[in-house]
Amino acid sequence: MINYIVTTYGYNRNQALVIASVAVDLRITQLVDAPNVGVTAVLPLDIFVGEMVGTESP
Protein backbone atom coordinates (compact mmCIF):
# COMPACT_ATOMS: atom_id res chain seq x y z
CA MET A 1 0.00 0.00 0.00
CA ILE A 2 2.81 2.41 0.87
CA ASN A 3 4.68 1.67 -2.36
CA TYR A 4 1.45 2.12 -4.35
CA ILE A 5 0.90 5.60 -2.88
CA VAL A 6 4.54 6.57 -3.49
CA THR A 7 4.70 5.37 -7.11
CA THR A 8 1.20 6.38 -8.19
CA TYR A 9 0.84 9.75 -6.49
CA GLY A 10 4.45 10.91 -6.07
CA TYR A 11 4.52 11.25 -2.29
CA ASN A 12 7.64 10.33 -0.35
CA ARG A 13 7.60 7.30 1.97
CA ASN A 14 6.91 9.31 5.14
CA GLN A 15 4.00 11.14 3.53
CA ALA A 16 2.59 7.83 2.27
CA LEU A 17 2.76 6.37 5.78
CA VAL A 18 0.79 9.32 7.16
CA ILE A 19 -1.83 9.02 4.41
CA ALA A 20 -2.18 5.27 4.95
CA SER A 21 -2.45 5.62 8.72
CA VAL A 22 -5.32 8.06 8.35
CA ALA A 23 -7.16 6.91 5.23
CA VAL A 24 -6.72 3.12 4.88
CA ASP A 25 -9.54 0.97 6.19
CA LEU A 26 -8.63 -2.59 7.25
CA ARG A 27 -11.39 -5.18 6.91
CA ILE A 28 -11.55 -8.79 8.06
CA THR A 29 -12.64 -10.62 4.92
CA GLN A 30 -12.39 -14.31 5.76
CA LEU A 31 -12.96 -16.18 9.01
CA VAL A 32 -13.08 -19.72 7.64
CA ASP A 33 -9.87 -21.25 9.01
CA ALA A 34 -9.63 -19.90 12.57
CA PRO A 35 -7.07 -18.68 13.64
CA ASN A 36 -6.13 -17.78 10.02
CA VAL A 37 -8.03 -14.76 8.72
CA GLY A 38 -7.95 -12.71 5.56
CA VAL A 39 -7.46 -8.96 5.89
CA THR A 40 -8.08 -6.44 3.13
CA ALA A 41 -6.70 -2.89 3.09
CA VAL A 42 -9.03 -0.44 1.35
CA LEU A 43 -7.73 2.95 0.22
CA PRO A 44 -10.44 5.41 -0.89
CA LEU A 45 -9.09 6.83 -4.15
CA ASP A 46 -11.34 9.88 -4.09
CA ILE A 47 -8.97 11.54 -1.60
CA PHE A 48 -6.45 11.84 -4.46
CA VAL A 49 -8.57 13.76 -6.96
CA GLY A 50 -6.26 15.23 -9.61
CA GLU A 51 -3.03 14.06 -7.94
CA MET A 52 -1.82 11.13 -10.09
CA VAL A 53 1.77 11.37 -11.24
CA GLY A 54 1.92 12.32 -14.90
CA THR A 55 -1.51 13.95 -15.00
CA GLU A 56 -2.40 17.59 -14.81
CA SER A 57 -5.21 19.15 -12.83
CA PRO A 58 -7.86 20.97 -14.91
PDB file of N, CA and C in Angstrom:
ATOM      1  N   MET A   1       0.826  -1.180   0.000  1.00  0.00           N
ATOM      2  CA  MET A   1       0.000   0.000   0.000  1.00  0.00           C
ATOM      3  C   MET A   1       0.877   1.253   0.000  1.00  0.00           C
ATOM      4  N   ILE A   2       1.915   1.261   0.803  1.00  0.00           N
ATOM      5  CA  ILE A   2       2.809   2.413   0.873  1.00  0.00           C
ATOM      6  C   ILE A   2       3.493   2.626  -0.479  1.00  0.00           C
ATOM      7  N   ASN A   3       4.013   1.551  -1.054  1.00  0.00           N
ATOM      8  CA  ASN A   3       4.676   1.666  -2.361  1.00  0.00           C
ATOM      9  C   ASN A   3       3.705   2.137  -3.439  1.00  0.00           C
ATOM     10  N   TYR A   4       2.467   1.687  -3.387  1.00  0.00           N
ATOM     11  CA  TYR A   4       1.450   2.125  -4.348  1.00  0.00           C
ATOM     12  C   TYR A   4       1.240   3.632  -4.261  1.00  0.00           C
ATOM     13  N   ILE A   5       1.111   4.162  -3.060  1.00  0.00           N
ATOM     14  CA  ILE A   5       0.896   5.600  -2.879  1.00  0.00           C
ATOM     15  C   ILE A   5       2.108   6.385  -3.378  1.00  0.00           C
ATOM     16  N   VAL A   6       3.308   5.884  -3.071  1.00  0.00           N
ATOM     17  CA  VAL A   6       4.538   6.565  -3.495  1.00  0.00           C
ATOM     18  C   VAL A   6       4.662   6.591  -5.012  1.00  0.00           C
ATOM     19  N   THR A   7       4.493   5.436  -5.661  1.00  0.00           N
ATOM     20  CA  THR A   7       4.699   5.365  -7.111  1.00  0.00           C
ATOM     21  C   THR A   7       3.561   5.993  -7.912  1.00  0.00           C
ATOM     22  N   THR A   8       2.343   5.880  -7.429  1.00  0.00           N
ATOM     23  CA  THR A   8       1.199   6.380  -8.190  1.00  0.00           C
ATOM     24  C   THR A   8       0.972   7.874  -8.004  1.00  0.00           C
ATOM     25  N   TYR A   9       1.185   8.363  -6.792  1.00  0.00           N
ATOM     26  CA  TYR A   9       0.839   9.750  -6.488  1.00  0.00           C
ATOM     27  C   TYR A   9       2.039  10.640  -6.199  1.00  0.00           C
ATOM     28  N   GLY A  10       3.257  10.092  -6.174  1.00  0.00           N
ATOM     29  CA  GLY A  10       4.455  10.907  -6.066  1.00  0.00           C
ATOM     30  C   GLY A  10       4.807  11.403  -4.680  1.00  0.00           C
ATOM     31  N   TYR A  11       4.167  10.866  -3.658  1.00  0.00           N
ATOM     32  CA  TYR A  11       4.519  11.252  -2.291  1.00  0.00           C
ATOM     33  C   TYR A  11       5.781  10.522  -1.870  1.00  0.00           C
ATOM     34  N   ASN A  12       6.508  11.070  -0.882  1.00  0.00           N
ATOM     35  CA  ASN A  12       7.640  10.325  -0.348  1.00  0.00           C
ATOM     36  C   ASN A  12       7.125   9.285   0.639  1.00  0.00           C
ATOM     37  N   ARG A  13       8.010   8.416   1.112  1.00  0.00           N
ATOM     38  CA  ARG A  13       7.596   7.304   1.971  1.00  0.00           C
ATOM     39  C   ARG A  13       6.942   7.773   3.278  1.00  0.00           C
ATOM     40  N   ASN A  14       7.488   8.807   3.891  1.00  0.00           N
ATOM     41  CA  ASN A  14       6.910   9.313   5.141  1.00  0.00           C
ATOM     42  C   ASN A  14       5.509   9.873   4.926  1.00  0.00           C
ATOM     43  N   GLN A  15       5.322  10.602   3.840  1.00  0.00           N
ATOM     44  CA  GLN A  15       3.996  11.136   3.534  1.00  0.00           C
ATOM     45  C   GLN A  15       3.007  10.004   3.267  1.00  0.00           C
ATOM     46  N   ALA A  16       3.456   8.975   2.560  1.00  0.00           N
ATOM     47  CA  ALA A  16       2.587   7.833   2.266  1.00  0.00           C
ATOM     48  C   ALA A  16       2.177   7.106   3.546  1.00  0.00           C
ATOM     49  N   LEU A  17       3.089   6.997   4.496  1.00  0.00           N
ATOM     50  CA  LEU A  17       2.755   6.369   5.780  1.00  0.00           C
ATOM     51  C   LEU A  17       1.689   7.160   6.530  1.00  0.00           C
ATOM     52  N   VAL A  18       1.799   8.479   6.499  1.00  0.00           N
ATOM     53  CA  VAL A  18       0.793   9.317   7.155  1.00  0.00           C
ATOM     54  C   VAL A  18      -0.563   9.161   6.478  1.00  0.00           C
ATOM     55  N   ILE A  19      -0.573   9.190   5.147  1.00  0.00           N
ATOM     56  CA  ILE A  19      -1.827   9.018   4.410  1.00  0.00           C
ATOM     57  C   ILE A  19      -2.455   7.670   4.718  1.00  0.00           C
ATOM     58  N   ALA A  20      -1.652   6.615   4.685  1.00  0.00           N
ATOM     59  CA  ALA A  20      -2.175   5.272   4.947  1.00  0.00           C
ATOM     60  C   ALA A  20      -2.694   5.144   6.376  1.00  0.00           C
ATOM     61  N   SER A  21      -2.011   5.748   7.337  1.00  0.00           N
ATOM     62  CA  SER A  21      -2.446   5.615   8.721  1.00  0.00           C
ATOM     63  C   SER A  21      -3.776   6.307   8.972  1.00  0.00           C
ATOM     64  N   VAL A  22      -4.073   7.322   8.172  1.00  0.00           N
ATOM     65  CA  VAL A  22      -5.324   8.055   8.352  1.00  0.00           C
ATOM     66  C   VAL A  22      -6.443   7.514   7.459  1.00  0.00           C
ATOM     67  N   ALA A  23      -6.116   7.169   6.214  1.00  0.00           N
ATOM     68  CA  ALA A  23      -7.160   6.908   5.235  1.00  0.00           C
ATOM     69  C   ALA A  23      -7.458   5.431   4.974  1.00  0.00           C
ATOM     70  N   VAL A  24      -6.513   4.532   5.217  1.00  0.00           N
ATOM     71  CA  VAL A  24      -6.715   3.119   4.882  1.00  0.00           C
ATOM     72  C   VAL A  24      -7.642   2.458   5.890  1.00  0.00           C
ATOM     73  N   ASP A  25      -8.596   1.713   5.373  1.00  0.00           N
ATOM     74  CA  ASP A  25      -9.543   0.971   6.195  1.00  0.00           C
ATOM     75  C   ASP A  25      -9.199  -0.508   6.092  1.00  0.00           C
ATOM     76  N   LEU A  26      -8.927  -1.155   7.228  1.00  0.00           N
ATOM     77  CA  LEU A  26      -8.631  -2.587   7.246  1.00  0.00           C
ATOM     78  C   LEU A  26      -9.911  -3.353   7.544  1.00  0.00           C
ATOM     79  N   ARG A  27     -10.159  -4.390   6.751  1.00  0.00           N
ATOM     80  CA  ARG A  27     -11.386  -5.183   6.914  1.00  0.00           C
ATOM     81  C   ARG A  27     -11.036  -6.659   7.023  1.00  0.00           C
ATOM     82  N   ILE A  28     -11.687  -7.336   7.949  1.00  0.00           N
ATOM     83  CA  ILE A  28     -11.551  -8.789   8.058  1.00  0.00           C
ATOM     84  C   ILE A  28     -12.457  -9.383   6.993  1.00  0.00           C
ATOM     85  N   THR A  29     -11.859 -10.146   6.058  1.00  0.00           N
ATOM     86  CA  THR A  29     -12.638 -10.619   4.918  1.00  0.00           C
ATOM     87  C   THR A  29     -12.908 -12.110   4.928  1.00  0.00           C
ATOM     88  N   GLN A  30     -12.197 -12.870   5.771  1.00  0.00           N
ATOM     89  CA  GLN A  30     -12.390 -14.311   5.764  1.00  0.00           C
ATOM     90  C   GLN A  30     -12.125 -14.868   7.163  1.00  0.00           C
ATOM     91  N   LEU A  31     -13.099 -15.564   7.695  1.00  0.00           N
ATOM     92  CA  LEU A  31     -12.960 -16.179   9.013  1.00  0.00           C
ATOM     93  C   LEU A  31     -13.175 -17.684   8.945  1.00  0.00           C
ATOM     94  N   VAL A  32     -12.795 -18.308   7.857  1.00  0.00           N
ATOM     95  CA  VAL A  32     -13.077 -19.717   7.643  1.00  0.00           C
ATOM     96  C   VAL A  32     -12.156 -20.620   8.459  1.00  0.00           C
ATOM     97  N   ASP A  33     -10.861 -20.382   8.376  1.00  0.00           N
ATOM     98  CA  ASP A  33      -9.874 -21.249   9.013  1.00  0.00           C
ATOM     99  C   ASP A  33      -9.328 -20.617  10.283  1.00  0.00           C
ATOM    100  N   ALA A  34     -10.132 -20.486  11.322  1.00  0.00           N
ATOM    101  CA  ALA A  34      -9.625 -19.895  12.569  1.00  0.00           C
ATOM    102  C   ALA A  34      -8.415 -20.685  13.013  1.00  0.00           C
ATOM    103  N   PRO A  35      -7.315 -20.098  13.371  1.00  0.00           N
ATOM    104  CA  PRO A  35      -7.073 -18.678  13.636  1.00  0.00           C
ATOM    105  C   PRO A  35      -6.582 -17.901  12.420  1.00  0.00           C
ATOM    106  N   ASN A  36      -6.578 -18.497  11.230  1.00  0.00           N
ATOM    107  CA  ASN A  36      -6.134 -17.782  10.025  1.00  0.00           C
ATOM    108  C   ASN A  36      -7.274 -16.935   9.481  1.00  0.00           C
ATOM    109  N   VAL A  37      -7.007 -15.653   9.255  1.00  0.00           N
ATOM    110  CA  VAL A  37      -8.033 -14.764   8.722  1.00  0.00           C
ATOM    111  C   VAL A  37      -7.469 -14.018   7.526  1.00  0.00           C
ATOM    112  N   GLY A  38      -8.348 -13.563   6.671  1.00  0.00           N
ATOM    113  CA  GLY A  38      -7.946 -12.711   5.558  1.00  0.00           C
ATOM    114  C   GLY A  38      -8.230 -11.260   5.913  1.00  0.00           C
ATOM    115  N   VAL A  39      -7.298 -10.382   5.609  1.00  0.00           N
ATOM    116  CA  VAL A  39      -7.463  -8.962   5.891  1.00  0.00           C
ATOM    117  C   VAL A  39      -7.255  -8.189   4.591  1.00  0.00           C
ATOM    118  N   THR A  40      -8.158  -7.264   4.314  1.00  0.00           N
ATOM    119  CA  THR A  40      -8.082  -6.437   3.127  1.00  0.00           C
ATOM    120  C   THR A  40      -7.859  -4.991   3.544  1.00  0.00           C
ATOM    121  N   ALA A  41      -6.925  -4.320   2.865  1.00  0.00           N
ATOM    122  CA  ALA A  41      -6.704  -2.894   3.088  1.00  0.00           C
ATOM    123  C   ALA A  41      -7.388  -2.127   1.965  1.00  0.00           C
ATOM    124  N   VAL A  42      -8.264  -1.204   2.324  1.00  0.00           N
ATOM    125  CA  VAL A  42      -9.032  -0.437   1.350  1.00  0.00           C
ATOM    126  C   VAL A  42      -8.604   1.025   1.434  1.00  0.00           C
ATOM    127  N   LEU A  43      -8.153   1.558   0.302  1.00  0.00           N
ATOM    128  CA  LEU A  43      -7.733   2.951   0.215  1.00  0.00           C
ATOM    129  C   LEU A  43      -8.737   3.706  -0.647  1.00  0.00           C
ATOM    130  N   PRO A  44      -9.480   4.653  -0.075  1.00  0.00           N
ATOM    131  CA  PRO A  44     -10.440   5.406  -0.887  1.00  0.00           C
ATOM    132  C   PRO A  44      -9.708   6.335  -1.853  1.00  0.00           C
ATOM    133  N   LEU A  45      -9.834   6.083  -3.141  1.00  0.00           N
ATOM    134  CA  LEU A  45      -9.091   6.830  -4.147  1.00  0.00           C
ATOM    135  C   LEU A  45      -9.611   8.245  -4.357  1.00  0.00           C
ATOM    136  N   ASP A  46     -10.810   8.540  -3.890  1.00  0.00           N
ATOM    137  CA  ASP A  46     -11.345   9.884  -4.090  1.00  0.00           C
ATOM    138  C   ASP A  46     -10.619  10.945  -3.264  1.00  0.00           C
ATOM    139  N   ILE A  47      -9.764  10.546  -2.334  1.00  0.00           N
ATOM    140  CA  ILE A  47      -8.973  11.536  -1.598  1.00  0.00           C
ATOM    141  C   ILE A  47      -7.824  12.074  -2.443  1.00  0.00           C
ATOM    142  N   PHE A  48      -7.550  11.445  -3.588  1.00  0.00           N
ATOM    143  CA  PHE A  48      -6.447  11.836  -4.465  1.00  0.00           C
ATOM    144  C   PHE A  48      -6.918  12.504  -5.746  1.00  0.00           C
ATOM    145  N   VAL A  49      -8.020  13.162  -5.747  1.00  0.00           N
ATOM    146  CA  VAL A  49      -8.573  13.761  -6.965  1.00  0.00           C
ATOM    147  C   VAL A  49      -7.540  14.694  -7.605  1.00  0.00           C
ATOM    148  N   GLY A  50      -7.181  14.394  -8.860  1.00  0.00           N
ATOM    149  CA  GLY A  50      -6.260  15.230  -9.614  1.00  0.00           C
ATOM    150  C   GLY A  50      -4.809  15.161  -9.182  1.00  0.00           C
ATOM    151  N   GLU A  51      -4.390  14.115  -8.466  1.00  0.00           N
ATOM    152  CA  GLU A  51      -3.031  14.056  -7.944  1.00  0.00           C
ATOM    153  C   GLU A  51      -2.189  12.922  -8.507  1.00  0.00           C
ATOM    154  N   MET A  52      -2.629  12.232  -9.547  1.00  0.00           N
ATOM    155  CA  MET A  52      -1.819  11.134 -10.093  1.00  0.00           C
ATOM    156  C   MET A  52      -0.584  11.677 -10.769  1.00  0.00           C
ATOM    157  N   VAL A  53       0.520  10.977 -10.606  1.00  0.00           N
ATOM    158  CA  VAL A  53       1.768  11.369 -11.241  1.00  0.00           C
ATOM    159  C   VAL A  53       1.596  11.280 -12.753  1.00  0.00           C
ATOM    160  N   GLY A  54       2.024  12.309 -13.452  1.00  0.00           N
ATOM    161  CA  GLY A  54       1.915  12.321 -14.905  1.00  0.00           C
ATOM    162  C   GLY A  54       0.621  12.884 -15.438  1.00  0.00           C
ATOM    163  N   THR A  55      -0.268  13.322 -14.548  1.00  0.00           N
ATOM    164  CA  THR A  55      -1.507  13.945 -15.000  1.00  0.00           C
ATOM    165  C   THR A  55      -1.524  15.382 -14.514  1.00  0.00           C
ATOM    166  N   GLU A  56      -2.286  16.194 -15.197  1.00  0.00           N
ATOM    167  CA  GLU A  56      -2.403  17.586 -14.806  1.00  0.00           C
ATOM    168  C   GLU A  56      -3.805  17.871 -14.308  1.00  0.00           C
ATOM    169  N   SER A  57      -3.916  18.742 -13.331  1.00  0.00           N
ATOM    170  CA  SER A  57      -5.215  19.151 -12.830  1.00  0.00           C
ATOM    171  C   SER A  57      -5.859  20.108 -13.824  1.00  0.00           C
ATOM    172  N   PRO A  58      -7.187  20.043 -13.964  1.00  0.00           N
ATOM    173  CA  PRO A  58      -7.863  20.966 -14.910  1.00  0.00           C
ATOM    174  C   PRO A  58      -7.820  22.393 -14.430  1.00  0.00           C
TER     175      PRO A  58
END
